[in-house]
PDB file of N, CA and C in Angstrom:
ATOM      1  N   MET A   1      80.064 102.113 169.814  1.00  0.00           N
ATOM      2  CA  MET A   1      81.185 103.092 168.787  1.00  0.00           C
ATOM      3  C   MET A   1      82.052 102.290 167.865  1.00  0.00           C
ATOM      4  N   VAL A   2      82.406 101.547 168.269  1.00  0.00           N
ATOM      5  CA  VAL A   2      83.534 100.494 167.978  1.00  0.00           C
ATOM      6  C   VAL A   2      83.199 100.013 166.652  1.00  0.00           C
ATOM      7  N   VAL A   3      81.900  99.392 167.519  1.00  0.00           N
ATOM      8  CA  VAL A   3      81.140  98.434 165.982  1.00  0.00           C
ATOM      9  C   VAL A   3      80.703  99.536 164.948  1.00  0.00           C
ATOM     10  N   VAL A   4      80.179 100.850 165.133  1.00  0.00           N
ATOM     11  CA  VAL A   4      79.831 101.679 164.319  1.00  0.00           C
ATOM     12  C   VAL A   4      81.178 101.735 163.161  1.00  0.00           C
ATOM     13  N   LEU A   5      82.124 102.182 163.618  1.00  0.00           N
ATOM     14  CA  LEU A   5      83.404 102.849 162.874  1.00  0.00           C
ATOM     15  C   LEU A   5      84.118 101.235 162.207  1.00  0.00           C
ATOM     16  N   VAL A   6      83.942 100.342 162.718  1.00  0.00           N
ATOM     17  CA  VAL A   6      84.241  98.705 161.589  1.00  0.00           C
ATOM     18  C   VAL A   6      83.345  98.768 160.935  1.00  0.00           C
ATOM     19  N   GLU A   7      81.812  99.124 160.746  1.00  0.00           N
ATOM     20  CA  GLU A   7      81.181  99.137 160.035  1.00  0.00           C
ATOM     21  C   GLU A   7      81.478  99.913 158.993  1.00  0.00           C
ATOM     22  N   LEU A   8      81.811 101.502 159.239  1.00  0.00           N
ATOM     23  CA  LEU A   8      82.240 102.072 158.584  1.00  0.00           C
ATOM     24  C   LEU A   8      82.745 102.069 157.735  1.00  0.00           C
ATOM     25  N   VAL A   9      84.068 101.391 158.343  1.00  0.00           N
ATOM     26  CA  VAL A   9      85.543 101.322 157.441  1.00  0.00           C
ATOM     27  C   VAL A   9      85.150 100.091 156.347  1.00  0.00           C
ATOM     28  N   LEU A  10      84.471  98.997 156.814  1.00  0.00           N
ATOM     29  CA  LEU A  10      83.947  98.143 155.416  1.00  0.00           C
ATOM     30  C   LEU A  10      82.914  98.647 154.642  1.00  0.00           C
ATOM     31  N   VAL A  11      82.511  99.614 154.843  1.00  0.00           N
ATOM     32  CA  VAL A  11      81.760 100.264 153.329  1.00  0.00           C
ATOM     33  C   VAL A  11      82.246 101.016 152.475  1.00  0.00           C
ATOM     34  N   VAL A  12      83.371 101.702 153.695  1.00  0.00           N
ATOM     35  CA  VAL A  12      84.283 102.585 152.411  1.00  0.00           C
ATOM     36  C   VAL A  12      85.083 101.486 151.537  1.00  0.00           C
ATOM     37  N   ALA A  13      85.895 100.785 151.966  1.00  0.00           N
ATOM     38  CA  ALA A  13      86.663  99.247 151.566  1.00  0.00           C
ATOM     39  C   ALA A  13      85.621  98.867 150.657  1.00  0.00           C
ATOM     40  N   VAL A  14      84.010  98.810 150.655  1.00  0.00           N
ATOM     41  CA  VAL A  14      83.680  98.056 149.506  1.00  0.00           C
ATOM     42  C   VAL A  14      83.554  98.963 148.422  1.00  0.00           C
ATOM     43  N   LEU A  15      83.141 100.311 148.486  1.00  0.00           N
ATOM     44  CA  LEU A  15      82.981 101.276 147.726  1.00  0.00           C
ATOM     45  C   LEU A  15      84.727 101.433 147.281  1.00  0.00           C
ATOM     46  N   ALA A  16      85.147 101.111 147.761  1.00  0.00           N
ATOM     47  CA  ALA A  16      86.560 101.703 146.746  1.00  0.00           C
ATOM     48  C   ALA A  16      87.051  99.906 145.818  1.00  0.00           C
ATOM     49  N   VAL A  17      86.363  99.120 146.396  1.00  0.00           N
ATOM     50  CA  VAL A  17      86.655  97.942 145.462  1.00  0.00           C
ATOM     51  C   VAL A  17      85.793  97.741 144.579  1.00  0.00           C
ATOM     52  N   LEU A  18      84.933  98.409 144.615  1.00  0.00           N
ATOM     53  CA  LEU A  18      83.371  98.839 143.442  1.00  0.00           C
ATOM     54  C   LEU A  18      84.147  99.670 142.512  1.00  0.00           C
ATOM     55  N   VAL A  19      84.307 100.744 143.071  1.00  0.00           N
ATOM     56  CA  VAL A  19      85.013 101.623 142.292  1.00  0.00           C
ATOM     57  C   VAL A  19      86.449 101.478 140.983  1.00  0.00           C
ATOM     58  N   GLY A  20      87.258 100.892 142.055  1.00  0.00           N
ATOM     59  CA  GLY A  20      88.464  99.968 141.301  1.00  0.00           C
ATOM     60  C   GLY A  20      87.908  99.317 140.381  1.00  0.00           C
ATOM     61  N   GLY A  21      87.225  98.491 140.702  1.00  0.00           N
ATOM     62  CA  GLY A  21      86.948  97.145 139.583  1.00  0.00           C
ATOM     63  C   GLY A  21      86.047  97.824 138.560  1.00  0.00           C
ATOM     64  N   GLY A  22      85.480  99.233 139.059  1.00  0.00           N
ATOM     65  CA  GLY A  22      84.480  99.969 137.539  1.00  0.00           C
ATOM     66  C   GLY A  22      85.790 100.503 136.743  1.00  0.00           C
ATOM     67  N   ILE A  23      86.798 101.024 137.432  1.00  0.00           N
ATOM     68  CA  ILE A  23      87.683 101.690 136.500  1.00  0.00           C
ATOM     69  C   ILE A  23      88.816 100.413 135.757  1.00  0.00           C
ATOM     70  N   ALA A  24      88.763  99.410 136.500  1.00  0.00           N
ATOM     71  CA  ALA A  24      89.591  98.183 135.644  1.00  0.00           C
ATOM     72  C   ALA A  24      88.986  97.954 134.547  1.00  0.00           C
ATOM     73  N   LEU A  25      87.228  97.626 134.751  1.00  0.00           N
ATOM     74  CA  LEU A  25      86.897  97.295 133.512  1.00  0.00           C
ATOM     75  C   LEU A  25      86.568  98.528 132.836  1.00  0.00           C
ATOM     76  N   TRP A  26      86.539  99.613 132.738  1.00  0.00           N
ATOM     77  CA  TRP A  26      86.176 100.976 132.035  1.00  0.00           C
ATOM     78  C   TRP A  26      87.791 100.553 130.947  1.00  0.00           C
ATOM     79  N   ARG A  27      88.693 100.426 131.603  1.00  0.00           N
ATOM     80  CA  ARG A  27      90.008 100.518 130.628  1.00  0.00           C
ATOM     81  C   ARG A  27      90.300  99.062 129.998  1.00  0.00           C
ATOM     82  N   ALA A  28      89.517  98.041 130.608  1.00  0.00           N
ATOM     83  CA  ALA A  28      90.169  96.886 129.790  1.00  0.00           C
ATOM     84  C   ALA A  28      88.904  96.758 128.444  1.00  0.00           C
ATOM     85  N   LEU A  29      87.855  97.720 128.291  1.00  0.00           N
ATOM     86  CA  LEU A  29      86.879  97.489 127.355  1.00  0.00           C
ATOM     87  C   LEU A  29      87.574  98.613 126.648  1.00  0.00           C
ATOM     88  N   GLN A  30      88.156  99.589 126.800  1.00  0.00           N
ATOM     89  CA  GLN A  30      88.556 100.857 125.720  1.00  0.00           C
ATOM     90  C   GLN A  30      89.619 100.174 125.061  1.00  0.00           C
ATOM     91  N   GLN A  31      90.607  99.431 126.017  1.00  0.00           N
ATOM     92  CA  GLN A  31      91.801  98.707 125.177  1.00  0.00           C
ATOM     93  C   GLN A  31      91.234  97.272 124.105  1.00  0.00           C
ATOM     94  N   GLN A  32      90.007  96.931 124.626  1.00  0.00           N
ATOM     95  CA  GLN A  32      89.571  95.855 123.505  1.00  0.00           C
ATOM     96  C   GLN A  32      88.985  96.155 122.433  1.00  0.00           C
ATOM     97  N   THR A  33      88.264  97.699 122.567  1.00  0.00           N
ATOM     98  CA  THR A  33      87.740  97.919 121.135  1.00  0.00           C
ATOM     99  C   THR A  33      88.897  98.468 120.363  1.00  0.00           C
ATOM    100  N   ALA A  34      89.944  99.392 121.140  1.00  0.00           N
ATOM    101  CA  ALA A  34      91.226  99.716 120.045  1.00  0.00           C
ATOM    102  C   ALA A  34      91.834  98.801 119.950  1.00  0.00           C
ATOM    103  N   GLY A  35      91.827  98.018 120.494  1.00  0.00           N
ATOM    104  CA  GLY A  35      93.217  96.612 120.574  1.00  0.00           C
ATOM    105  C   GLY A  35      94.397  96.720 120.401  1.00  0.00           C
ATOM    106  N   PRO A  36      95.473  95.831 120.678  1.00  0.00           N
ATOM    107  CA  PRO A  36      96.884  96.177 120.377  1.00  0.00           C
ATOM    108  C   PRO A  36      96.955  96.399 118.496  1.00  0.00           C
ATOM    109  N   GLY A  37      97.718  97.533 118.541  1.00  0.00           N
ATOM    110  CA  GLY A  37      98.085  97.285 116.979  1.00  0.00           C
ATOM    111  C   GLY A  37      97.028  98.162 116.355  1.00  0.00           C
ATOM    112  N   ARG A  38      95.986  99.014 116.674  1.00  0.00           N
ATOM    113  CA  ARG A  38      94.679  99.125 116.160  1.00  0.00           C
ATOM    114  C   ARG A  38      94.592 100.289 116.595  1.00  0.00           C
ATOM    115  N   LEU A  39      94.452 101.108 115.215  1.00  0.00           N
ATOM    116  CA  LEU A  39      93.888 102.711 115.998  1.00  0.00           C
ATOM    117  C   LEU A  39      92.779 103.458 116.402  1.00  0.00           C
ATOM    118  N   PRO A  40      92.759 104.201 117.220  1.00  0.00           N
ATOM    119  CA  PRO A  40      91.410 104.689 117.494  1.00  0.00           C
ATOM    120  C   PRO A  40      90.958 105.059 116.557  1.00  0.00           C
ATOM    121  N   PRO A  41      89.201 105.227 116.580  1.00  0.00           N
ATOM    122  CA  PRO A  41      88.158 105.870 115.590  1.00  0.00           C
ATOM    123  C   PRO A  41      88.816 107.009 114.769  1.00  0.00           C
ATOM    124  N   ARG A  42      89.017 107.903 115.377  1.00  0.00           N
ATOM    125  CA  ARG A  42      89.352 109.193 114.936  1.00  0.00           C
ATOM    126  C   ARG A  42      90.743 109.266 114.358  1.00  0.00           C
ATOM    127  N   GLU A  43      92.265 108.379 114.538  1.00  0.00           N
ATOM    128  CA  GLU A  43      93.023 108.048 113.857  1.00  0.00           C
ATOM    129  C   GLU A  43      93.034 107.546 112.793  1.00  0.00           C
ATOM    130  N   ARG A  44      92.133 106.419 112.912  1.00  0.00           N
ATOM    131  CA  ARG A  44      91.595 105.708 111.890  1.00  0.00           C
ATOM    132  C   ARG A  44      90.728 106.236 110.498  1.00  0.00           C
ATOM    133  N   ALA A  45      90.566 107.362 111.184  1.00  0.00           N
ATOM    134  CA  ALA A  45      89.691 108.277 109.988  1.00  0.00           C
ATOM    135  C   ALA A  45      90.726 109.262 109.090  1.00  0.00           C
ATOM    136  N   GLU A  46      91.373 109.897 109.903  1.00  0.00           N
ATOM    137  CA  GLU A  46      92.558 110.833 109.747  1.00  0.00           C
ATOM    138  C   GLU A  46      93.540 109.914 108.871  1.00  0.00           C
ATOM    139  N   LEU A  47      93.703 109.035 109.030  1.00  0.00           N
ATOM    140  CA  LEU A  47      94.490 107.806 108.037  1.00  0.00           C
ATOM    141  C   LEU A  47      94.225 108.137 106.725  1.00  0.00           C
ATOM    142  N   ALA A  48      92.725 107.523 106.587  1.00  0.00           N
ATOM    143  CA  ALA A  48      91.791 106.729 105.593  1.00  0.00           C
ATOM    144  C   ALA A  48      91.903 108.198 104.870  1.00  0.00           C
ATOM    145  N   ALA A  49      91.345 109.077 105.421  1.00  0.00           N
ATOM    146  CA  ALA A  49      91.741 110.780 104.807  1.00  0.00           C
ATOM    147  C   ALA A  49      92.681 110.949 103.880  1.00  0.00           C
ATOM    148  N   ALA A  50      93.788 110.949 104.587  1.00  0.00           N
ATOM    149  CA  ALA A  50      95.079 110.884 104.189  1.00  0.00           C
ATOM    150  C   ALA A  50      95.669 110.158 102.911  1.00  0.00           C
ATOM    151  N   ILE A  51      95.122 108.723 103.101  1.00  0.00           N
ATOM    152  CA  ILE A  51      95.084 107.561 102.275  1.00  0.00           C
ATOM    153  C   ILE A  51      94.304 108.264 100.998  1.00  0.00           C
ATOM    154  N   ASP A  52      93.275 108.640 100.694  1.00  0.00           N
ATOM    155  CA  ASP A  52      92.550 109.098  99.531  1.00  0.00           C
ATOM    156  C   ASP A  52      93.454 110.551  99.228  1.00  0.00           C
ATOM    157  N   ARG A  53      93.789 111.078  99.829  1.00  0.00           N
ATOM    158  CA  ARG A  53      94.435 112.337  99.521  1.00  0.00           C
ATOM    159  C   ARG A  53      96.033 112.053  98.585  1.00  0.00           C
ATOM    160  N   ALA A  54      96.221 110.477  98.577  1.00  0.00           N
ATOM    161  CA  ALA A  54      97.729 110.365  97.931  1.00  0.00           C
ATOM    162  C   ALA A  54      98.223 111.024  96.922  1.00  0.00           C
ATOM    163  N   ARG A  55      98.976 111.392  96.222  1.00  0.00           N
ATOM    164  CA  ARG A  55      99.527 111.751  95.332  1.00  0.00           C
ATOM    165  C   ARG A  55     100.791 111.090  94.534  1.00  0.00           C
ATOM    166  N   TRP A  56     100.726 110.912  93.421  1.00  0.00           N
ATOM    167  CA  TRP A  56     101.733 110.320  92.645  1.00  0.00           C
ATOM    168  C   TRP A  56     102.715 111.640  92.601  1.00  0.00           C
ATOM    169  N   VAL A  57     103.821 111.391  92.934  1.00  0.00           N
ATOM    170  CA  VAL A  57     105.379 112.074  92.886  1.00  0.00           C
ATOM    171  C   VAL A  57     106.538 111.688  92.040  1.00  0.00           C
ATOM    172  N   PRO A  58     107.216 112.439  91.636  1.00  0.00           N
ATOM    173  CA  PRO A  58     108.489 111.439  90.525  1.00  0.00           C
ATOM    174  C   PRO A  58     109.340 111.696  91.988  1.00  0.00           C
ATOM    175  N   ALA A  59     110.362 110.638  91.350  1.00  0.00           N
ATOM    176  CA  ALA A  59     111.520 110.545  92.337  1.00  0.00           C
ATOM    177  C   ALA A  59     112.494 109.802  91.582  1.00  0.00           C
ATOM    178  N   HIS A  60     113.672 109.821  92.347  1.00  0.00           N
ATOM    179  CA  HIS A  60     114.848 109.267  91.713  1.00  0.00           C
ATOM    180  C   HIS A  60     115.811 108.487  92.738  1.00  0.00           C
ATOM    181  N   ASP A  61     116.697 107.539  92.577  1.00  0.00           N
ATOM    182  CA  ASP A  61     117.636 106.880  93.872  1.00  0.00           C
ATOM    183  C   ASP A  61     118.644 106.379  92.490  1.00  0.00           C
ATOM    184  N   GLU A  62     119.641 105.966  93.824  1.00  0.00           N
ATOM    185  CA  GLU A  62     120.623 105.227  93.061  1.00  0.00           C
ATOM    186  C   GLU A  62     120.938 103.661  93.680  1.00  0.00           C
ATOM    187  N   VAL A  63     120.556 102.857  92.998  1.00  0.00           N
ATOM    188  CA  VAL A  63     120.963 101.246  93.583  1.00  0.00           C
ATOM    189  C   VAL A  63     122.237 100.700  92.865  1.00  0.00           C
ATOM    190  N   ASP A  64     122.616 100.189  93.726  1.00  0.00           N
ATOM    191  CA  ASP A  64     124.021  99.344  92.907  1.00  0.00           C
ATOM    192  C   ASP A  64     124.810 100.114  91.742  1.00  0.00           C
ATOM    193  N   GLY A  65     124.993 101.686  91.879  1.00  0.00           N
ATOM    194  CA  GLY A  65     125.697 102.037  90.789  1.00  0.00           C
ATOM    195  C   GLY A  65     124.292 101.977  89.618  1.00  0.00           C
ATOM    196  N   THR A  66     123.075 102.212  89.586  1.00  0.00           N
ATOM    197  CA  THR A  66     122.120 102.108  88.325  1.00  0.00           C
ATOM    198  C   THR A  66     121.388 103.204  89.010  1.00  0.00           C
ATOM    199  N   THR A  67     121.045 104.219  88.283  1.00  0.00           N
ATOM    200  CA  THR A  67     120.076 105.240  88.648  1.00  0.00           C
ATOM    201  C   THR A  67     118.756 104.896  87.984  1.00  0.00           C
ATOM    202  N   ARG A  68     117.767 104.834  89.059  1.00  0.00           N
ATOM    203  CA  ARG A  68     116.275 104.678  88.588  1.00  0.00           C
ATOM    204  C   ARG A  68     115.675 105.647  88.837  1.00  0.00           C
ATOM    205  N   VAL A  69     114.921 106.139  87.591  1.00  0.00           N
ATOM    206  CA  VAL A  69     113.591 107.424  87.763  1.00  0.00           C
ATOM    207  C   VAL A  69     112.476 106.786  88.335  1.00  0.00           C
ATOM    208  N   LEU A  70     111.356 106.879  89.171  1.00  0.00           N
ATOM    209  CA  LEU A  70     110.244 106.482  89.165  1.00  0.00           C
ATOM    210  C   LEU A  70     109.437 107.506  89.653  1.00  0.00           C
ATOM    211  N   VAL A  71     108.303 106.837  89.776  1.00  0.00           N
ATOM    212  CA  VAL A  71     106.903 107.354  90.206  1.00  0.00           C
ATOM    213  C   VAL A  71     106.395 106.747  91.670  1.00  0.00           C
ATOM    214  N   ARG A  72     106.092 107.485  92.775  1.00  0.00           N
ATOM    215  CA  ARG A  72     105.586 106.787  93.929  1.00  0.00           C
ATOM    216  C   ARG A  72     104.499 107.472  94.229  1.00  0.00           C
ATOM    217  N   ARG A  73     103.312 106.608  94.866  1.00  0.00           N
ATOM    218  CA  ARG A  73     102.091 106.969  95.475  1.00  0.00           C
ATOM    219  C   ARG A  73     102.360 107.324  96.773  1.00  0.00           C
ATOM    220  N   THR A  74     102.026 108.940  97.513  1.00  0.00           N
ATOM    221  CA  THR A  74     102.715 108.744  99.256  1.00  0.00           C
ATOM    222  C   THR A  74     101.808 109.801  99.647  1.00  0.00           C
ATOM    223  N   TYR A  75     101.840 109.634 100.544  1.00  0.00           N
ATOM    224  CA  TYR A  75     100.717 110.376 101.499  1.00  0.00           C
ATOM    225  C   TYR A  75     101.231 110.654 102.797  1.00  0.00           C
ATOM    226  N   VAL A  76     100.899 111.807 103.284  1.00  0.00           N
ATOM    227  CA  VAL A  76     101.437 112.249 105.109  1.00  0.00           C
ATOM    228  C   VAL A  76     100.951 111.705 105.785  1.00  0.00           C
ATOM    229  N   GLY A  77     101.746 110.945 106.648  1.00  0.00           N
ATOM    230  CA  GLY A  77     101.639 110.045 107.590  1.00  0.00           C
ATOM    231  C   GLY A  77     100.905 110.754 108.782  1.00  0.00           C
ATOM    232  N   LEU A  78     100.706 109.673 109.951  1.00  0.00           N
ATOM    233  CA  LEU A  78     100.024 110.378 110.942  1.00  0.00           C
ATOM    234  C   LEU A  78     101.239 111.444 111.741  1.00  0.00           C
ATOM    235  N   ASP A  79     102.303 110.972 111.562  1.00  0.00           N
ATOM    236  CA  ASP A  79     103.604 111.375 112.320  1.00  0.00           C
ATOM    237  C   ASP A  79     104.032 112.489 111.058  1.00  0.00           C
ATOM    238  N   GLY A  80     103.520 112.718 110.168  1.00  0.00           N
ATOM    239  CA  GLY A  80     103.903 114.024 109.539  1.00  0.00           C
ATOM    240  C   GLY A  80     104.969 113.861 108.425  1.00  0.00           C
ATOM    241  N   ARG A  81     105.372 112.602 108.439  1.00  0.00           N
ATOM    242  CA  ARG A  81     106.438 112.314 107.418  1.00  0.00           C
ATOM    243  C   ARG A  81     105.732 111.218 106.376  1.00  0.00           C
ATOM    244  N   PRO A  82     106.623 111.461 105.044  1.00  0.00           N
ATOM    245  CA  PRO A  82     105.527 110.709 103.709  1.00  0.00           C
ATOM    246  C   PRO A  82     106.066 109.345 104.002  1.00  0.00           C
ATOM    247  N   VAL A  83     104.595 108.619 103.803  1.00  0.00           N
ATOM    248  CA  VAL A  83     104.513 107.318 103.689  1.00  0.00           C
ATOM    249  C   VAL A  83     104.258 106.973 102.064  1.00  0.00           C
ATOM    250  N   VAL A  84     105.268 105.845 101.549  1.00  0.00           N
ATOM    251  CA  VAL A  84     104.911 105.285 100.234  1.00  0.00           C
ATOM    252  C   VAL A  84     103.890 104.249  99.927  1.00  0.00           C
ATOM    253  N   LEU A  85     102.874 104.223  99.052  1.00  0.00           N
ATOM    254  CA  LEU A  85     101.972 102.771  99.209  1.00  0.00           C
ATOM    255  C   LEU A  85     102.723 102.805  98.059  1.00  0.00           C
ATOM    256  N   GLU A  86     102.903 103.093  96.868  1.00  0.00           N
ATOM    257  CA  GLU A  86     103.309 102.376  95.677  1.00  0.00           C
ATOM    258  C   GLU A  86     104.240 103.017  94.992  1.00  0.00           C
ATOM    259  N   GLU A  87     105.582 102.531  94.260  1.00  0.00           N
ATOM    260  CA  GLU A  87     106.050 102.979  93.388  1.00  0.00           C
ATOM    261  C   GLU A  87     106.672 102.087  92.372  1.00  0.00           C
ATOM    262  N   ARG A  88     106.841 103.103  91.415  1.00  0.00           N
ATOM    263  CA  ARG A  88     107.034 101.920  89.622  1.00  0.00           C
ATOM    264  C   ARG A  88     108.077 102.793  89.214  1.00  0.00           C
ATOM    265  N   VAL A  89     109.133 101.690  88.763  1.00  0.00           N
ATOM    266  CA  VAL A  89     109.934 102.060  88.250  1.00  0.00           C
ATOM    267  C   VAL A  89     109.880 102.298  86.372  1.00  0.00           C
ATOM    268  N   LEU A  90     110.242 103.293  86.031  1.00  0.00           N
ATOM    269  CA  LEU A  90     110.168 104.019  84.778  1.00  0.00           C
ATOM    270  C   LEU A  90     111.222 103.963  83.810  1.00  0.00           C
ATOM    271  N   GLU A  91     112.319 104.235  84.279  1.00  0.00           N
ATOM    272  CA  GLU A  91     113.965 104.052  83.563  1.00  0.00           C
ATOM    273  C   GLU A  91     114.646 103.681  84.538  1.00  0.00           C
ATOM    274  N   THR A  92     115.706 103.067  84.151  1.00  0.00           N
ATOM    275  CA  THR A  92     117.212 103.018  84.627  1.00  0.00           C
ATOM    276  C   THR A  92     118.158 102.970  83.857  1.00  0.00           C
ATOM    277  N   PHE A  93     119.114 103.208  84.142  1.00  0.00           N
ATOM    278  CA  PHE A  93     120.694 103.332  83.542  1.00  0.00           C
ATOM    279  C   PHE A  93     121.552 103.566  84.413  1.00  0.00           C
ATOM    280  N   PRO A  94     122.946 103.183  83.424  1.00  0.00           N
ATOM    281  CA  PRO A  94     124.284 103.254  84.721  1.00  0.00           C
ATOM    282  C   PRO A  94     124.309 104.773  85.398  1.00  0.00           C
ATOM    283  N   ALA A  95     125.110 104.476  86.721  1.00  0.00           N
ATOM    284  CA  ALA A  95     125.045 106.111  86.877  1.00  0.00           C
ATOM    285  C   ALA A  95     126.420 106.644  86.444  1.00  0.00           C
ATOM    286  N   GLN A  96     126.961 105.889  85.764  1.00  0.00           N
ATOM    287  CA  GLN A  96     128.437 106.223  84.961  1.00  0.00           C
ATOM    288  C   GLN A  96     128.054 106.417  83.263  1.00  0.00           C
ATOM    289  N   ASP A  97     127.189 106.312  82.637  1.00  0.00           N
ATOM    290  CA  ASP A  97     126.583 106.203  81.723  1.00  0.00           C
ATOM    291  C   ASP A  97     127.311 107.987  81.509  1.00  0.00           C
ATOM    292  N   PRO A  98     128.084 108.358  80.054  1.00  0.00           N
ATOM    293  CA  PRO A  98     128.255 109.714  79.856  1.00  0.00           C
ATOM    294  C   PRO A  98     127.401 110.560  79.543  1.00  0.00           C
ATOM    295  N   GLY A  99     126.092 109.601  78.798  1.00  0.00           N
ATOM    296  CA  GLY A  99     125.401 110.806  78.791  1.00  0.00           C
ATOM    297  C   GLY A  99     124.137 110.697  79.557  1.00  0.00           C
ATOM    298  N   TRP A 100     124.859 110.482  80.974  1.00  0.00           N
ATOM    299  CA  TRP A 100     123.900 110.762  82.282  1.00  0.00           C
ATOM    300  C   TRP A 100     122.956 111.765  82.232  1.00  0.00           C
ATOM    301  N   GLU A 101     123.310 112.913  82.425  1.00  0.00           N
ATOM    302  CA  GLU A 101     122.684 113.967  82.494  1.00  0.00           C
ATOM    303  C   GLU A 101     121.845 114.502  81.289  1.00  0.00           C
ATOM    304  N   ALA A 102     121.386 113.900  80.219  1.00  0.00           N
ATOM    305  CA  ALA A 102     120.645 114.149  79.292  1.00  0.00           C
ATOM    306  C   ALA A 102     119.427 113.194  79.466  1.00  0.00           C
ATOM    307  N   ARG A 103     120.193 111.764  80.038  1.00  0.00           N
ATOM    308  CA  ARG A 103     118.887 110.546  80.269  1.00  0.00           C
ATOM    309  C   ARG A 103     118.275 111.111  81.148  1.00  0.00           C
ATOM    310  N   PHE A 104     119.194 111.768  82.560  1.00  0.00           N
ATOM    311  CA  PHE A 104     118.307 111.642  83.502  1.00  0.00           C
ATOM    312  C   PHE A 104     117.213 113.038  83.539  1.00  0.00           C
ATOM    313  N   THR A 105     117.283 114.118  82.811  1.00  0.00           N
ATOM    314  CA  THR A 105     116.579 115.202  82.708  1.00  0.00           C
ATOM    315  C   THR A 105     115.454 114.625  81.889  1.00  0.00           C
ATOM    316  N   GLU A 106     115.671 113.670  80.490  1.00  0.00           N
ATOM    317  CA  GLU A 106     114.664 113.324  79.880  1.00  0.00           C
ATOM    318  C   GLU A 106     113.407 112.053  81.249  1.00  0.00           C
ATOM    319  N   ALA A 107     114.054 111.776  81.744  1.00  0.00           N
ATOM    320  CA  ALA A 107     113.513 110.476  82.416  1.00  0.00           C
ATOM    321  C   ALA A 107     112.661 111.035  83.509  1.00  0.00           C
ATOM    322  N   MET A 108     113.225 112.156  84.358  1.00  0.00           N
ATOM    323  CA  MET A 108     112.348 112.863  84.984  1.00  0.00           C
ATOM    324  C   MET A 108     111.182 114.088  84.859  1.00  0.00           C
ATOM    325  N   SER A 109     111.557 114.484  83.172  1.00  0.00           N
ATOM    326  CA  SER A 109     110.287 115.537  82.741  1.00  0.00           C
ATOM    327  C   SER A 109     109.073 113.804  82.072  1.00  0.00           C
ATOM    328  N   ASN A 110     109.576 112.985  81.643  1.00  0.00           N
ATOM    329  CA  ASN A 110     108.340 111.616  81.509  1.00  0.00           C
ATOM    330  C   ASN A 110     107.913 111.438  82.924  1.00  0.00           C
ATOM    331  N   ALA A 111     108.980 111.349  84.027  1.00  0.00           N
ATOM    332  CA  ALA A 111     108.281 110.986  85.056  1.00  0.00           C
ATOM    333  C   ALA A 111     107.002 112.303  85.585  1.00  0.00           C
ATOM    334  N   ARG A 112     107.832 113.420  85.527  1.00  0.00           N
ATOM    335  CA  ARG A 112     106.449 114.217  85.954  1.00  0.00           C
ATOM    336  C   ARG A 112     105.433 114.292  84.692  1.00  0.00           C
ATOM    337  N   PHE A 113     105.500 114.059  83.842  1.00  0.00           N
ATOM    338  CA  PHE A 113     104.284 113.944  82.902  1.00  0.00           C
ATOM    339  C   PHE A 113     103.366 112.880  83.212  1.00  0.00           C
ATOM    340  N   ARG A 114     104.360 111.434  83.678  1.00  0.00           N
ATOM    341  CA  ARG A 114     103.957 110.672  84.321  1.00  0.00           C
ATOM    342  C   ARG A 114     102.572 110.919  85.278  1.00  0.00           C
ATOM    343  N   CYS A 115     103.603 111.502  86.553  1.00  0.00           N
ATOM    344  CA  CYS A 115     102.369 111.919  87.633  1.00  0.00           C
ATOM    345  C   CYS A 115     101.291 113.023  87.917  1.00  0.00           C
ATOM    346  N   ALA A 116     101.363 113.421  86.446  1.00  0.00           N
ATOM    347  CA  ALA A 116     100.537 114.604  86.069  1.00  0.00           C
ATOM    348  C   ALA A 116      99.062 113.950  85.574  1.00  0.00           C
ATOM    349  N   TYR A 117      99.360 112.767  84.329  1.00  0.00           N
ATOM    350  CA  TYR A 117      98.448 111.900  84.115  1.00  0.00           C
ATOM    351  C   TYR A 117      98.036 111.191  85.465  1.00  0.00           C
ATOM    352  N   LEU A 118      98.850 110.675  86.197  1.00  0.00           N
ATOM    353  CA  LEU A 118      98.150 109.521  86.914  1.00  0.00           C
ATOM    354  C   LEU A 118      97.070 110.258  88.044  1.00  0.00           C
ATOM    355  N   ASN A 119      97.673 111.494  88.797  1.00  0.00           N
ATOM    356  CA  ASN A 119      96.620 112.211  89.355  1.00  0.00           C
ATOM    357  C   ASN A 119      95.618 112.737  88.744  1.00  0.00           C
ATOM    358  N   ALA A 120      95.633 113.284  87.406  1.00  0.00           N
ATOM    359  CA  ALA A 120      94.360 113.942  86.958  1.00  0.00           C
ATOM    360  C   ALA A 120      93.475 112.298  86.663  1.00  0.00           C
ATOM    361  N   GLU A 121      94.088 111.265  86.493  1.00  0.00           N
ATOM    362  CA  GLU A 121      92.955 110.368  86.453  1.00  0.00           C
ATOM    363  C   GLU A 121      92.638 109.684  87.673  1.00  0.00           C
ATOM    364  N   GLU A 122      93.043 109.823  88.393  1.00  0.00           N
ATOM    365  CA  GLU A 122      92.361 109.565  90.106  1.00  0.00           C
ATOM    366  C   GLU A 122      92.008 110.379  90.321  1.00  0.00           C
ATOM    367  N   SER A 123      91.555 111.639  90.567  1.00  0.00           N
ATOM    368  CA  SER A 123      90.974 112.664  90.583  1.00  0.00           C
ATOM    369  C   SER A 123      89.706 112.542  90.060  1.00  0.00           C
ATOM    370  N   GLN A 124      89.232 111.721  89.054  1.00  0.00           N
ATOM    371  CA  GLN A 124      88.008 112.068  88.585  1.00  0.00           C
ATOM    372  C   GLN A 124      87.135 110.887  88.942  1.00  0.00           C
TER     373      GLN A 124
END
């Protein structure tokens, strides 16, 4: 009776080792497929689709006392936040310029026109 019990314990132990090894192998293969820093296939497809839908948008900022009017090609990232692919500065002028408002309004109008043109060109 003791021999049968020992054999049963050994069989259960061997099965546990085989199952544990199989699970470890499966996880290792899954990590190797995705790799560190690589997205799984579904997320890669979503990211590629988001990049394909990237649009040009007008923008402006101020750097070192200089106002920049620019256009940015952006898409919505997987985390829901905008990601800038490319940025082109259209016009710069001093932030303290007395004619700042008129220059800014004209530059933003040009940026909106340029965005409409670039988006139309890329959609064809």
